[in-house]
Protein backbone atom coordinates (compact mmCIF):
# COMPACT_ATOMS: atom_id res chain seq x y z
CA MET A 1 118.36 124.21 97.46
CA ARG A 2 118.61 120.55 96.49
CA ILE A 3 115.81 118.13 97.25
CA VAL A 4 116.69 114.47 96.78
CA ILE A 5 113.77 112.07 96.45
CA LEU A 6 114.46 108.37 96.66
CA GLY A 7 111.85 106.36 94.79
CA ALA A 8 109.60 107.28 91.87
CA GLY A 9 106.33 105.68 92.87
CA PHE A 10 103.14 107.54 93.76
CA GLY A 11 104.91 109.51 96.48
CA GLY A 12 108.05 110.47 94.59
CA LEU A 13 106.22 111.38 91.38
CA GLU A 14 103.62 113.50 93.14
CA LEU A 15 106.19 115.28 95.29
CA SER A 16 108.54 116.08 92.40
CA THR A 17 105.60 117.33 90.33
CA LEU A 18 104.36 119.66 93.07
CA ILE A 19 107.81 121.12 93.72
CA SER A 20 108.36 121.64 89.99
CA GLU A 21 104.99 123.35 89.63
CA GLU A 22 105.83 125.70 92.48
CA PHE A 23 109.47 126.59 91.75
CA GLY A 24 110.43 125.39 88.27
CA ASP A 25 114.17 125.67 87.68
CA ASP A 26 114.72 127.68 90.88
CA VAL A 27 115.00 124.46 92.90
CA ASP A 28 117.15 121.42 92.12
CA VAL A 29 115.09 118.22 92.50
CA VAL A 30 116.88 114.91 92.03
CA LEU A 31 114.52 111.97 91.63
CA ILE A 32 116.30 108.62 91.98
CA ASP A 33 114.91 105.19 91.14
CA LYS A 34 116.52 101.97 89.97
CA GLY A 35 113.61 100.98 87.75
CA GLU A 36 112.74 101.72 84.14
CA GLY A 37 109.30 103.07 84.85
CA PHE A 38 106.17 103.36 86.93
CA VAL A 39 103.26 100.89 86.87
CA PHE A 40 99.93 101.23 88.65
CA GLY A 41 99.03 98.29 90.87
CA PHE A 42 95.76 97.74 89.04
CA SER A 43 97.62 97.58 85.72
CA LYS A 44 99.24 94.32 86.81
CA LEU A 45 95.80 92.71 86.84
CA ASP A 46 95.17 94.12 83.37
CA VAL A 47 98.34 92.36 82.23
CA MET A 48 97.47 89.15 84.06
CA PHE A 49 94.01 88.86 82.52
CA GLY A 50 95.09 89.88 79.02
CA HIS A 51 93.60 93.38 78.83
CA ALA A 52 96.98 95.09 78.25
CA ASP A 53 100.57 94.10 77.66
CA ALA A 54 103.50 94.95 79.88
CA ASP A 55 104.84 97.73 77.66
CA HIS A 56 101.49 99.51 77.58
CA VAL A 57 101.22 99.76 81.38
CA LYS A 58 104.83 100.88 81.97
CA HIS A 59 105.42 104.64 82.09
CA ARG A 60 109.10 105.23 81.53
CA PHE A 61 110.94 107.58 83.84
CA GLU A 62 112.88 108.98 80.91
CA ASP A 63 109.59 110.66 79.95
CA VAL A 64 109.60 112.71 83.17
CA VAL A 65 110.54 116.12 81.81
CA LYS A 66 109.76 118.86 84.31
CA PRO A 67 111.46 122.16 85.12
CA GLY A 68 113.90 121.69 87.97
CA VAL A 69 113.55 117.90 88.08
CA ARG A 70 116.39 115.59 87.11
CA PHE A 71 115.70 111.86 87.01
CA VAL A 72 118.63 109.58 87.79
CA ARG A 73 118.30 105.87 87.17
CA ALA A 74 120.45 104.38 89.88
CA GLU A 75 120.40 101.90 92.72
CA VAL A 76 120.73 103.38 96.19
CA VAL A 77 123.52 101.59 98.05
CA ALA A 78 123.75 103.69 101.24
CA ILE A 79 121.85 106.45 103.03
CA ASP A 80 123.38 108.71 105.66
CA PRO A 81 120.33 110.42 107.24
CA VAL A 82 122.48 112.60 109.51
CA ALA A 83 124.57 114.11 106.72
CA ARG A 84 121.72 113.70 104.18
CA VAL A 85 124.06 112.01 101.71
CA VAL A 86 122.84 109.28 99.40
CA SER A 87 125.30 106.91 97.75
CA THR A 88 124.28 105.19 94.53
CA ASP A 89 125.93 103.14 91.81
CA GLU A 90 125.90 106.38 89.77
CA GLY A 91 127.61 108.49 92.43
CA ALA A 92 126.77 110.34 95.64
CA PHE A 93 124.14 113.04 96.14
CA GLN A 94 124.11 115.63 98.91
CA ALA A 95 120.65 116.83 99.89
CA ASP A 96 119.38 119.88 101.72
CA ILE A 97 116.12 118.00 102.09
CA LEU A 98 115.92 114.22 101.72
CA VAL A 99 112.69 112.30 101.13
CA VAL A 100 112.70 108.51 101.31
CA ALA A 101 109.93 106.97 99.21
CA LEU A 102 111.49 103.63 98.28
CA GLY A 103 108.41 101.54 98.98
CA ALA A 104 108.44 97.92 100.08
CA ASP A 105 110.42 95.14 98.43
CA LEU A 106 108.77 91.80 97.67
CA HIS A 107 110.34 88.50 98.73
CA PRO A 108 108.50 85.50 97.26
CA GLU A 109 111.65 83.44 97.85
CA ASP A 110 111.13 83.70 101.60
CA THR A 111 107.87 81.74 101.57
CA PRO A 112 108.84 78.07 101.40
CA GLY A 113 107.69 76.48 98.18
CA LEU A 114 106.17 79.60 96.60
CA LEU A 115 108.69 79.89 93.77
CA GLU A 116 108.60 76.15 93.10
CA GLY A 117 104.89 75.53 93.48
CA GLY A 118 103.02 78.79 92.96
CA TYR A 119 103.01 82.26 91.44
CA GLU A 120 103.02 85.84 92.69
CA PHE A 121 100.95 88.55 90.98
CA TYR A 122 102.26 91.73 92.63
CA THR A 123 104.90 92.42 89.97
CA VAL A 124 104.66 92.85 86.20
CA PRO A 125 106.86 89.76 85.54
CA GLY A 126 104.67 87.77 87.92
CA ALA A 127 101.47 88.98 86.27
CA SER A 128 102.93 88.27 82.82
CA ALA A 129 103.85 84.73 83.83
CA LEU A 130 100.35 84.13 85.19
CA ARG A 131 98.84 85.38 81.95
CA GLU A 132 100.45 82.44 80.19
CA VAL A 133 99.57 80.01 82.99
CA LEU A 134 95.92 81.04 83.00
CA ALA A 135 95.72 80.64 79.23
CA GLN A 136 96.69 76.97 79.65
CA PHE A 137 94.74 76.27 82.85
CA GLN A 138 92.00 73.68 82.43
CA GLY A 139 90.27 74.18 85.75
CA GLY A 140 90.78 72.88 89.27
CA ARG A 141 91.38 74.21 92.75
CA VAL A 142 92.57 77.82 92.68
CA VAL A 143 93.87 79.36 95.89
CA ILE A 144 94.71 83.05 96.29
CA GLY A 145 96.71 83.51 99.51
CA VAL A 146 98.49 86.19 101.52
CA THR A 147 101.81 85.09 103.00
CA SER A 148 102.57 87.90 105.49
CA THR A 149 101.56 91.23 106.93
CA PRO A 150 101.67 94.07 106.13
CA PHE A 151 100.98 93.83 102.41
CA LYS A 152 100.24 96.34 99.67
CA CYS A 153 96.67 97.26 98.73
CA PRO A 154 94.51 95.16 101.08
CA PRO A 155 91.57 95.01 98.61
CA ALA A 156 93.77 93.51 95.87
CA PRO A 157 93.53 89.84 96.92
CA SER A 158 89.73 90.05 97.03
CA GLU A 159 89.65 91.80 93.66
CA THR A 160 91.95 89.19 92.14
CA THR A 161 89.76 86.41 93.51
CA LEU A 162 86.64 87.87 91.90
CA LEU A 163 88.44 88.38 88.58
CA VAL A 164 89.81 84.82 88.63
CA ASN A 165 86.25 83.64 89.17
CA GLU A 166 85.07 85.69 86.18
CA PHE A 167 87.95 84.43 84.03
CA LEU A 168 87.02 80.81 84.77
CA GLN A 169 83.37 81.51 84.00
CA LYS A 170 84.16 83.07 80.63
CA ARG A 171 86.25 80.06 79.67
CA GLY A 172 83.59 77.57 80.78
CA LEU A 173 85.82 76.23 83.56
CA ARG A 174 84.03 77.45 86.67
CA GLU A 175 81.90 74.34 87.27
CA ARG A 176 84.99 72.14 87.38
CA SER A 177 86.89 74.59 89.61
CA GLU A 178 87.03 75.74 93.22
CA VAL A 179 88.15 79.23 94.20
CA SER A 180 89.41 80.13 97.68
CA LEU A 181 90.92 83.23 99.28
CA VAL A 182 93.14 83.02 102.37
CA MET A 183 93.72 86.33 104.18
CA PRO A 184 95.17 87.40 107.55
CA LEU A 185 92.35 89.92 108.04
CA PRO A 186 89.07 88.84 109.68
CA VAL A 187 87.10 90.44 106.84
CA PRO A 188 88.27 91.73 103.44
CA ILE A 189 88.36 95.45 104.39
CA PRO A 190 88.10 95.93 108.18
CA PRO A 191 87.71 99.76 108.20
CA SER A 192 84.59 99.47 106.03
CA PRO A 193 81.95 96.99 107.20
CA GLN A 194 79.90 98.04 104.17
CA ALA A 195 82.65 97.08 101.73
CA SER A 196 83.47 93.86 103.58
CA THR A 197 79.83 92.80 103.59
CA ALA A 198 79.48 93.49 99.86
CA ILE A 199 82.63 91.50 99.07
CA LEU A 200 81.63 88.55 101.27
CA GLU A 201 78.16 88.53 99.69
CA ALA A 202 79.78 88.52 96.25
CA PHE A 203 81.94 85.57 97.33
CA GLU A 204 78.90 83.66 98.59
CA GLN A 205 76.92 84.33 95.42
CA ARG A 206 79.81 83.01 93.32
CA GLY A 207 80.66 80.02 95.50
CA ILE A 208 84.03 81.42 96.59
CA THR A 209 85.48 80.27 99.92
CA PHE A 210 86.89 82.96 102.23
CA ARG A 211 89.27 82.02 105.05
CA GLY A 212 90.03 85.00 107.25
CA ASP A 213 92.49 85.41 110.13
CA THR A 214 94.81 83.01 108.32
CA LEU A 215 98.15 83.26 106.52
CA VAL A 216 99.76 80.92 104.03
CA ARG A 217 103.07 79.97 105.64
CA GLY A 218 104.34 77.88 102.75
CA LEU A 219 103.55 75.50 99.92
CA ASP A 220 104.32 71.81 99.52
CA PRO A 221 104.82 71.68 95.74
CA VAL A 222 105.02 67.88 95.68
CA ARG A 223 101.71 67.29 97.46
CA LYS A 224 100.19 70.50 96.02
CA VAL A 225 98.95 71.84 99.36
CA ALA A 226 99.16 75.26 100.97
CA LEU A 227 100.39 75.17 104.56
CA LEU A 228 98.27 77.51 106.66
CA SER A 229 99.10 79.40 109.86
CA ASP A 230 96.39 77.55 111.80
CA GLY A 231 98.05 74.20 111.03
CA ASP A 232 95.56 73.24 108.34
CA GLU A 233 96.38 72.36 104.75
CA LEU A 234 94.55 73.52 101.62
CA PRO A 235 94.93 71.54 98.38
CA TYR A 236 95.48 73.53 95.18
CA ASP A 237 96.09 73.09 91.48
CA LEU A 238 96.96 76.77 90.96
CA PHE A 239 98.26 79.02 93.74
CA LEU A 240 98.46 82.82 93.45
CA GLY A 241 100.38 84.36 96.34
CA VAL A 242 100.85 87.80 97.82
CA PRO A 243 104.56 87.69 98.73
CA ILE A 244 106.32 88.83 101.88
CA HIS A 245 106.90 92.61 102.03
CA ARG A 246 109.91 94.25 103.65
CA ALA A 247 111.54 97.66 103.65
CA PRO A 248 114.50 97.74 101.23
CA ALA A 249 117.70 96.46 102.82
CA VAL A 250 119.48 99.77 102.20
CA VAL A 251 116.84 101.53 104.29
CA VAL A 252 117.08 99.01 107.13
CA SER A 253 120.87 99.37 107.22
CA SER A 254 120.68 103.18 107.34
CA SER A 255 119.45 103.54 110.95
CA LEU A 256 116.17 104.97 109.67
CA THR A 257 113.97 102.02 110.64
CA VAL A 258 112.44 100.74 113.85
CA ASP A 259 110.90 97.25 113.75
CA GLY A 260 111.52 97.06 110.02
CA TRP A 261 109.91 100.32 108.82
CA ILE A 262 110.61 104.05 109.06
CA PRO A 263 108.72 105.75 111.91
CA VAL A 264 107.48 109.24 111.05
CA ASP A 265 105.41 111.96 112.63
CA PRO A 266 101.90 110.89 111.54
CA LEU A 267 100.90 114.47 110.72
CA THR A 268 104.05 115.84 109.04
CA LEU A 269 105.89 112.70 107.80
CA ARG A 270 109.12 113.96 109.32
CA THR A 271 111.59 111.36 110.54
CA ARG A 272 113.72 111.76 113.65
CA PHE A 273 116.51 113.12 111.44
CA ASP A 274 116.57 116.83 110.64
CA GLY A 275 115.58 117.58 107.05
CA VAL A 276 114.59 113.97 106.31
CA TYR A 277 111.06 112.87 105.46
CA ALA A 278 109.63 109.47 104.51
CA VAL A 279 106.40 108.68 102.68
CA GLY A 280 104.53 105.63 101.48
CA ASP A 281 105.02 101.91 101.98
CA VAL A 282 108.46 102.29 103.56
CA THR A 283 106.95 103.98 106.65
CA SER A 284 105.03 102.75 109.68
CA VAL A 285 102.71 105.77 109.61
CA GLY A 286 99.65 103.61 110.29
CA THR A 287 97.88 103.62 106.93
CA PRO A 288 97.66 100.66 104.55
CA LYS A 289 100.51 100.24 102.11
CA ALA A 290 98.99 101.66 98.94
CA GLY A 291 99.95 104.32 96.42
CA VAL A 292 97.06 106.67 97.16
CA PHE A 293 98.28 107.05 100.74
CA ALA A 294 101.83 107.77 99.57
CA GLU A 295 100.41 110.40 97.22
CA GLY A 296 98.50 112.09 100.04
CA GLN A 297 101.58 112.05 102.24
CA ALA A 298 103.64 113.58 99.43
CA ARG A 299 101.26 116.54 99.28
CA VAL A 300 101.85 117.23 102.96
CA VAL A 301 105.63 116.99 102.55
CA ALA A 302 105.48 119.26 99.50
CA ALA A 303 103.56 121.89 101.47
CA SER A 304 106.16 121.71 104.24
CA ILE A 305 109.08 122.03 101.82
CA ILE A 306 107.46 124.91 99.94
CA ALA A 307 106.81 126.72 103.20
CA ALA A 308 110.40 126.20 104.35
CA ILE A 309 111.85 127.53 101.09
CA ARG A 310 109.59 130.59 101.26
CA ASP A 311 110.34 131.13 104.98
CA GLY A 312 106.69 130.58 105.76
CA SER A 313 104.58 127.95 107.46
CA THR A 314 101.85 125.49 106.56
CA ASP A 315 98.80 124.25 108.42
CA LEU A 316 98.43 121.22 106.17
CA SER A 317 98.76 117.92 108.02
CA TYR A 318 98.25 114.36 106.93
CA ASP A 319 94.65 113.18 107.27
CA GLY A 320 95.15 109.48 106.50
CA HIS A 321 92.58 109.51 103.70
CA GLY A 322 92.67 107.33 100.62
CA LEU A 323 90.44 105.73 98.03
CA CYS A 324 90.72 102.91 95.58
CA TYR A 325 88.69 101.23 92.88
CA MET A 326 87.94 97.52 93.13
CA GLU A 327 86.61 95.41 90.28
CA PHE A 328 83.92 92.84 91.06
CA GLY A 329 83.70 91.40 87.54
CA GLY A 330 81.17 92.09 84.84
CA GLN A 331 82.69 95.58 84.47
CA GLU A 332 81.23 96.50 87.87
CA ILE A 333 83.56 98.58 90.00
CA ALA A 334 83.31 99.77 93.58
CA LYS A 335 84.80 102.98 94.95
CA ILE A 336 86.20 102.34 98.42
CA ASP A 337 86.99 105.30 100.66
CA VAL A 338 88.92 104.87 103.93
CA THR A 339 90.52 107.15 106.51
CA PHE A 340 93.26 106.17 108.97
CA ARG A 341 93.63 109.27 111.12
CA SER A 342 96.26 109.13 113.85
CA GLY A 343 94.77 108.32 117.25
CA GLU A 344 91.34 107.49 115.85
CA ARG A 345 89.58 104.34 114.77
CA PRO A 346 89.83 103.76 111.01
CA VAL A 347 86.62 104.30 109.09
CA GLY A 348 85.52 103.57 105.55
CA SER A 349 82.66 103.53 103.09
CA MET A 350 81.90 102.12 99.66
CA GLN A 351 79.97 103.22 96.59
CA GLY A 352 78.89 100.60 94.08
CA PRO A 353 79.75 98.17 92.68
CA ASP A 354 78.39 99.63 89.47
CA VAL A 355 79.50 100.01 85.87
CA GLU A 356 79.32 103.79 86.27
CA TYR A 357 82.56 103.79 88.28
CA ALA A 358 84.55 102.39 85.36
CA ALA A 359 84.92 105.93 84.00
CA ASP A 360 86.10 107.15 87.43
CA LYS A 361 88.77 104.46 87.59
CA THR A 362 89.96 105.28 84.07
CA ALA A 363 90.16 108.98 84.96
CA PHE A 364 92.15 108.16 88.12
CA GLY A 365 94.94 106.69 86.00
CA THR A 366 94.68 109.06 83.06
CA GLU A 367 94.89 112.21 85.19
CA ARG A 368 97.96 111.07 87.10
CA ILE A 369 99.89 110.01 84.00
CA ARG A 370 99.06 113.34 82.41
CA ARG A 371 100.37 115.26 85.45
CA TRP A 372 103.41 113.11 86.15
CA PHE A 373 104.53 112.17 82.63
CA GLY A 374 102.85 114.76 80.40
CA LYS A 375 101.18 112.24 78.12
CA GLU A 376 97.73 110.86 77.39
CA TRP A 377 97.03 107.26 78.40
CA THR A 378 94.21 104.85 79.11
CA SER A 379 94.65 101.79 81.29
CA THR A 380 93.61 99.02 78.89
CA GLU A 381 94.18 98.17 75.25
CA THR A 382 91.27 95.76 74.77
């Protein structure tokens, strides 16, 4: 039995770990990713604000040493979901079971003016570049803006806004600065009125402007203005953008997608192709695009695969549940819990913000790196 997993993010790492724990060397798991390593989304903010360097937050795939799991660093160039054959620049792989977990690709180049007049913070190179920019910034109009939907980790723009505010305060630049957040959502976290209210209150207390139901369609780098979807313009001195997200081109060209993303059964994560599953950001399952949801989906797929190998069955289905930790500044962290169950209205709740959740957030990262990579790690260096 060969299981081929495309993508070594939350979904791919959790799935390969579960299969290895269950079968060891009795099952051949091939985990394919073109990258050097895995990075938590929150670690990019640690890099951006100088709490850790890029090497510290990268967990190299070469350190994945698990019975039955073989990591292949390769770029996927074609997927045949009918034959379950994956072509890569390192050769072809035939799968008995194929799981697509390739995430969403980022395209800052597709927002006019973003590369010339602004910065993105959703990648490690982007966060590293902003670290240097922020170190030289002398204050002014800072705009954090989302350029399209859907986008990864909906709380992240609000978190970044609060941390930018704190950064300016610590450097004595806040009084000479303005901070604004432009988002396509009416409130920061629609499934949780409690969380949205807390975030909006934090914005008001700190003098941060929130513009909901609005996208940034482009930048005019010469005039230093953000061009908004409602026709308005917003002047800026420093622009931090959430770039356009799309399914990888190889996935779109494989006949797996409908309207740009892979449709799956919302309870089992099965695609319309026999023996092919998809998890995480690459799907249109109905949850936000965030690693914790991919991880939960991977557990369901693992249970299904284990049952199939053992000629059994599983009652486990995907419940749409996920949680994340959001920093408010001052070492205060909120724990946000949301559920996107198929056919039901999304719901959510929030605990905090409070300094007591800092230990929870640290444990979230430490426990996963221990399970997935077999090493001890803490998220920050300073």
